[in-house]
C-alpha atoms as a PDB file:
ATOM      1  CA  MET A   1       7.019  34.462  34.742  1.00  0.00           C
ATOM      2  CA  LYS A   2      10.592  34.315  35.857  1.00  0.00           C
ATOM      3  CA  CYS A   3      13.376  33.686  33.320  1.00  0.00           C
ATOM      4  CA  PRO A   4      15.690  30.771  34.025  1.00  0.00           C
ATOM      5  CA  PRO A   5      19.217  31.577  35.098  1.00  0.00           C
ATOM      6  CA  GLN A   6      21.709  32.002  32.270  1.00  0.00           C
ATOM      7  CA  SER A   7      23.505  28.813  33.199  1.00  0.00           C
ATOM      8  CA  PHE A   8      20.377  26.894  32.135  1.00  0.00           C
ATOM      9  CA  LEU A   9      21.041  27.608  28.435  1.00  0.00           C
ATOM     10  CA  THR A  10      24.663  26.703  28.105  1.00  0.00           C
ATOM     11  CA  SER A  11      26.303  26.608  24.692  1.00  0.00           C
ATOM     12  CA  ALA A  12      26.385  22.792  24.863  1.00  0.00           C
ATOM     13  CA  ARG A  13      22.643  22.693  25.493  1.00  0.00           C
ATOM     14  CA  LEU A  14      22.014  25.148  22.653  1.00  0.00           C
ATOM     15  CA  ARG A  15      24.103  23.009  20.269  1.00  0.00           C
ATOM     16  CA  GLY A  16      22.197  19.906  21.368  1.00  0.00           C
ATOM     17  CA  LEU A  17      18.877  21.662  20.865  1.00  0.00           C
ATOM     18  CA  ALA A  18      19.965  22.877  17.415  1.00  0.00           C
ATOM     19  CA  GLN A  19      21.034  19.341  16.441  1.00  0.00           C
ATOM     20  CA  LEU A  20      17.697  17.983  17.618  1.00  0.00           C
ATOM     21  CA  LEU A  21      15.801  20.584  15.582  1.00  0.00           C
ATOM     22  CA  VAL A  22      17.865  19.868  12.472  1.00  0.00           C
ATOM     23  CA  ALA A  23      17.306  16.105  12.877  1.00  0.00           C
ATOM     24  CA  ALA A  24      13.557  16.639  13.292  1.00  0.00           C
ATOM     25  CA  ALA A  25      13.439  18.874  10.214  1.00  0.00           C
ATOM     26  CA  LEU A  26      15.354  16.329   8.138  1.00  0.00           C
ATOM     27  CA  ALA A  27      13.089  13.519   9.294  1.00  0.00           C
ATOM     28  CA  GLY A  28      10.090  15.540   8.170  1.00  0.00           C
ATOM     29  CA  ALA A  29      11.685  16.301   4.817  1.00  0.00           C
ATOM     30  CA  VAL A  30      12.566  12.682   4.167  1.00  0.00           C
ATOM     31  CA  GLY A  31       9.168  11.502   5.349  1.00  0.00           C
ATOM     32  CA  SER A  32       8.055   8.885   7.752  1.00  0.00           C
ATOM     33  CA  PRO A  33       8.429   5.202   6.970  1.00  0.00           C
ATOM     34  CA  ALA A  34       5.698   3.635   4.881  1.00  0.00           C
ATOM     35  CA  GLN A  35       2.962   1.959   6.809  1.00  0.00           C
ATOM     36  CA  ALA A  36       3.168  -1.793   6.624  1.00  0.00           C
ATOM     37  CA  ASP A  37       0.293  -3.329   4.750  1.00  0.00           C
ATOM     38  CA  PRO A  38      -2.115  -5.346   6.879  1.00  0.00           C
ATOM     39  CA  CYS A  39      -2.430  -8.266   4.446  1.00  0.00           C
ATOM     40  CA  ASN A  40      -1.079 -11.480   5.948  1.00  0.00           C
ATOM     41  CA  ALA A  41      -2.852 -14.381   4.209  1.00  0.00           C
ATOM     42  CA  ILE A  42       0.243 -15.216   2.160  1.00  0.00           C
ATOM     43  CA  PRO A  43       3.332 -16.000   4.249  1.00  0.00           C
ATOM     44  CA  ASP A  44       6.691 -14.417   3.411  1.00  0.00           C
ATOM     45  CA  ARG A  45       8.118 -17.932   3.252  1.00  0.00           C
ATOM     46  CA  GLY A  46       6.482 -21.257   2.767  1.00  0.00           C
ATOM     47  CA  PRO A  47       3.628 -22.416   0.607  1.00  0.00           C
ATOM     48  CA  MET A  48       0.864 -20.179  -0.602  1.00  0.00           C
ATOM     49  CA  PRO A  49      -2.635 -21.103   0.635  1.00  0.00           C
ATOM     50  CA  SER A  50      -4.215 -23.648  -1.717  1.00  0.00           C
ATOM     51  CA  TYR A  51      -7.231 -21.411  -2.371  1.00  0.00           C
ATOM     52  CA  LEU A  52      -4.815 -19.007  -4.120  1.00  0.00           C
ATOM     53  CA  ALA A  53      -3.376 -21.551  -6.559  1.00  0.00           C
ATOM     54  CA  LYS A  54      -3.070 -20.400 -10.161  1.00  0.00           C
ATOM     55  CA  GLY A  55      -6.495 -20.301 -11.828  1.00  0.00           C
ATOM     56  CA  LYS A  56      -8.476 -20.387  -8.553  1.00  0.00           C
ATOM     57  CA  THR A  57     -11.107 -17.747  -7.925  1.00  0.00           C
ATOM     58  CA  PHE A  58     -11.387 -15.851  -4.648  1.00  0.00           C
ATOM     59  CA  SER A  59     -13.503 -12.877  -3.681  1.00  0.00           C
ATOM     60  CA  GLY A  60     -14.338 -10.404  -0.972  1.00  0.00           C
ATOM     61  CA  PRO A  61     -14.367  -6.732  -0.115  1.00  0.00           C
ATOM     62  CA  VAL A  62     -11.259  -4.639  -0.679  1.00  0.00           C
ATOM     63  CA  THR A  63     -10.135  -3.452   2.755  1.00  0.00           C
ATOM     64  CA  TYR A  64      -6.821  -1.770   1.931  1.00  0.00           C
ATOM     65  CA  VAL A  65      -5.154  -0.147  -1.068  1.00  0.00           C
ATOM     66  CA  GLY A  66      -1.354   0.009  -1.012  1.00  0.00           C
ATOM     67  CA  ASP A  67      -0.729   1.931  -4.210  1.00  0.00           C
ATOM     68  CA  ALA A  68      -2.129   2.279  -7.723  1.00  0.00           C
ATOM     69  CA  ASP A  69      -1.938  -1.463  -8.447  1.00  0.00           C
ATOM     70  CA  SER A  70      -2.034  -3.308  -5.122  1.00  0.00           C
ATOM     71  CA  LEU A  71      -4.894  -4.030  -2.775  1.00  0.00           C
ATOM     72  CA  CYS A  72      -6.068  -6.402  -0.044  1.00  0.00           C
ATOM     73  CA  VAL A  73      -9.094  -8.621  -0.446  1.00  0.00           C
ATOM     74  CA  ALA A  74     -10.806  -9.926   2.705  1.00  0.00           C
ATOM     75  CA  VAL A  75     -11.406 -13.619   2.078  1.00  0.00           C
ATOM     76  CA  GLY A  76     -13.395 -15.063   4.969  1.00  0.00           C
ATOM     77  CA  GLY A  77     -13.246 -12.092   7.318  1.00  0.00           C
ATOM     78  CA  ARG A  78     -11.214  -9.009   8.082  1.00  0.00           C
ATOM     79  CA  ALA A  79      -8.589 -10.571  10.340  1.00  0.00           C
ATOM     80  CA  PRO A  80      -5.060 -10.043   8.943  1.00  0.00           C
ATOM     81  CA  GLU A  81      -4.658 -13.759   8.193  1.00  0.00           C
ATOM     82  CA  ASN A  82      -7.705 -13.525   5.884  1.00  0.00           C
ATOM     83  CA  LEU A  83      -6.456 -10.501   3.933  1.00  0.00           C
ATOM     84  CA  VAL A  84      -4.944 -11.455   0.585  1.00  0.00           C
ATOM     85  CA  GLU A  85      -2.518  -8.964  -0.915  1.00  0.00           C
ATOM     86  CA  VAL A  86      -3.106  -8.696  -4.655  1.00  0.00           C
ATOM     87  CA  ARG A  87      -0.948  -7.175  -7.338  1.00  0.00           C
ATOM     88  CA  VAL A  88      -3.361  -6.192 -10.095  1.00  0.00           C
ATOM     89  CA  ALA A  89      -2.362  -8.295 -13.122  1.00  0.00           C
ATOM     90  CA  ASP A  90      -3.690  -6.069 -15.887  1.00  0.00           C
ATOM     91  CA  PHE A  91      -2.486  -2.632 -14.760  1.00  0.00           C
ATOM     92  CA  TYR A  92       1.009  -1.331 -13.988  1.00  0.00           C
ATOM     93  CA  GLY A  93       0.351   1.652 -11.761  1.00  0.00           C
ATOM     94  CA  PRO A  94       2.916   4.330 -11.016  1.00  0.00           C
ATOM     95  CA  GLU A  95       4.955   3.811  -7.867  1.00  0.00           C
ATOM     96  CA  LEU A  96       3.596   5.657  -4.834  1.00  0.00           C
ATOM     97  CA  ASN A  97       6.339   8.305  -4.828  1.00  0.00           C
ATOM     98  CA  ALA A  98       6.508   8.652  -8.621  1.00  0.00           C
ATOM     99  CA  PRO A  99       4.537  11.299 -10.516  1.00  0.00           C
ATOM    100  CA  GLY A 100       0.878  10.298 -10.421  1.00  0.00           C
ATOM    101  CA  GLY A 101       1.477   7.625  -7.759  1.00  0.00           C
ATOM    102  CA  ARG A 102      -0.517   9.149  -4.921  1.00  0.00           C
ATOM    103  CA  ALA A 103      -3.319  10.184  -7.285  1.00  0.00           C
ATOM    104  CA  GLY A 104      -3.345   6.642  -8.707  1.00  0.00           C
ATOM    105  CA  LYS A 105      -3.695   5.178  -5.218  1.00  0.00           C
ATOM    106  CA  ALA A 106      -6.526   7.606  -4.416  1.00  0.00           C
ATOM    107  CA  THR A 107      -8.299   6.620  -7.635  1.00  0.00           C
ATOM    108  CA  LEU A 108      -7.970   2.904  -6.882  1.00  0.00           C
ATOM    109  CA  GLU A 109      -9.346   3.529  -3.385  1.00  0.00           C
ATOM    110  CA  ARG A 110     -12.283   5.458  -4.809  1.00  0.00           C
ATOM    111  CA  ILE A 111     -13.024   2.681  -7.311  1.00  0.00           C
ATOM    112  CA  VAL A 112     -12.667  -0.463  -5.173  1.00  0.00           C
ATOM    113  CA  LYS A 113     -12.314   0.201  -1.441  1.00  0.00           C
ATOM    114  CA  TRP A 114     -15.016  -1.624   0.556  1.00  0.00           C
ATOM    115  CA  ARG A 115     -16.475  -3.051  -2.650  1.00  0.00           C
ATOM    116  CA  HIS A 116     -16.680  -6.759  -3.425  1.00  0.00           C
ATOM    117  CA  VAL A 117     -14.250  -7.922  -6.107  1.00  0.00           C
ATOM    118  CA  VAL A 118     -13.888 -11.323  -7.755  1.00  0.00           C
ATOM    119  CA  CYS A 119     -10.298 -12.291  -8.554  1.00  0.00           C
ATOM    120  CA  THR A 120      -8.605 -15.068 -10.491  1.00  0.00           C
ATOM    121  CA  ALA A 121      -5.215 -15.986  -9.070  1.00  0.00           C
ATOM    122  CA  GLY A 122      -2.106 -16.025 -11.204  1.00  0.00           C
ATOM    123  CA  ARG A 123       1.466 -16.425 -10.035  1.00  0.00           C
ATOM    124  CA  ARG A 124       2.981 -15.584  -6.684  1.00  0.00           C
ATOM    125  CA  SER A 125       5.034 -12.420  -6.307  1.00  0.00           C
ATOM    126  CA  TYR A 126       6.756 -12.352  -2.920  1.00  0.00           C
ATOM    127  CA  ASP A 127       4.007 -12.221  -0.255  1.00  0.00           C
ATOM    128  CA  ARG A 128       1.199 -11.457  -2.694  1.00  0.00           C
ATOM    129  CA  VAL A 129      -0.624 -13.008  -5.582  1.00  0.00           C
ATOM    130  CA  VAL A 130      -0.771 -11.463  -9.039  1.00  0.00           C
ATOM    131  CA  ALA A 131      -4.440 -11.667  -9.967  1.00  0.00           C
ATOM    132  CA  THR A 132      -7.027 -10.323 -12.350  1.00  0.00           C
ATOM    133  CA  CYS A 133      -9.790  -8.758 -10.257  1.00  0.00           C
ATOM    134  CA  ARG A 134     -13.178  -7.665 -11.489  1.00  0.00           C
ATOM    135  CA  LEU A 135     -15.726  -5.279 -10.100  1.00  0.00           C
ATOM    136  CA  GLY A 136     -19.124  -5.701 -11.691  1.00  0.00           C
ATOM    137  CA  GLY A 137     -17.551  -7.815 -14.422  1.00  0.00           C
ATOM    138  CA  VAL A 138     -15.000  -5.155 -15.436  1.00  0.00           C
ATOM    139  CA  THR A 139     -11.312  -5.638 -14.656  1.00  0.00           C
ATOM    140  CA  VAL A 140      -9.688  -3.275 -12.182  1.00  0.00           C
ATOM    141  CA  GLY A 141      -7.113  -2.404 -14.851  1.00  0.00           C
ATOM    142  CA  ASP A 142      -9.836  -1.320 -17.281  1.00  0.00           C
ATOM    143  CA  LEU A 143     -11.494   0.704 -14.509  1.00  0.00           C
ATOM    144  CA  MET A 144      -8.204   2.454 -13.704  1.00  0.00           C
ATOM    145  CA  ARG A 145      -7.496   3.241 -17.369  1.00  0.00           C
ATOM    146  CA  GLY A 146     -11.094   4.422 -17.762  1.00  0.00           C
ATOM    147  CA  ALA A 147     -10.568   6.768 -14.803  1.00  0.00           C
ATOM    148  CA  GLY A 148      -7.604   8.306 -16.632  1.00  0.00           C
ATOM    149  CA  VAL A 149      -4.777   6.846 -14.548  1.00  0.00           C
ATOM    150  CA  GLU A 150      -1.703   6.391 -16.714  1.00  0.00           C
ATOM    151  CA  GLU A 151       0.301   3.232 -16.398  1.00  0.00           C
ATOM    152  CA  GLY A 152       3.883   3.676 -15.457  1.00  0.00           C
ATOM    153  CA  GLY A 153       4.928   1.220 -12.812  1.00  0.00           C
ATOM    154  CA  ASN A 154       7.853  -1.109 -12.958  1.00  0.00           C
ATOM    155  CA  GLY A 155       7.287  -4.561 -14.343  1.00  0.00           C
ATOM    156  CA  ARG A 156       6.459  -7.445 -12.055  1.00  0.00           C
END
């Protein structure tokens, strides 16, 4: 293989390459942006669907877990407009990037993902509903505490 002529690697090109490598390294150290959750049943603005009014019961399989205390319930199918984002009412999980956050998310996934939960809606919190969800009659919060996940999230 023939080496490129010296003029190919000018000092300006080397500086540019070094800057690119530093930027790539910093991007990896900072991390990539969080994946957007796929739950779209509750609009960012406007009224909440009537089937999620306070005290109403909704149910379905859990299709997505965002962190140690948030999940998506498929109500009427798995299309994004049928996925209800739920903040678990009876458990304050650690934030994803806090100590225990990733382990808490993994535990919640292990406990509820693809399983059918029954939830009772509470208040709205942004584009999600705060709800008490049960799996086999036991609240998700009790299941998380029983699995040894310590609470530690910020309040709602």
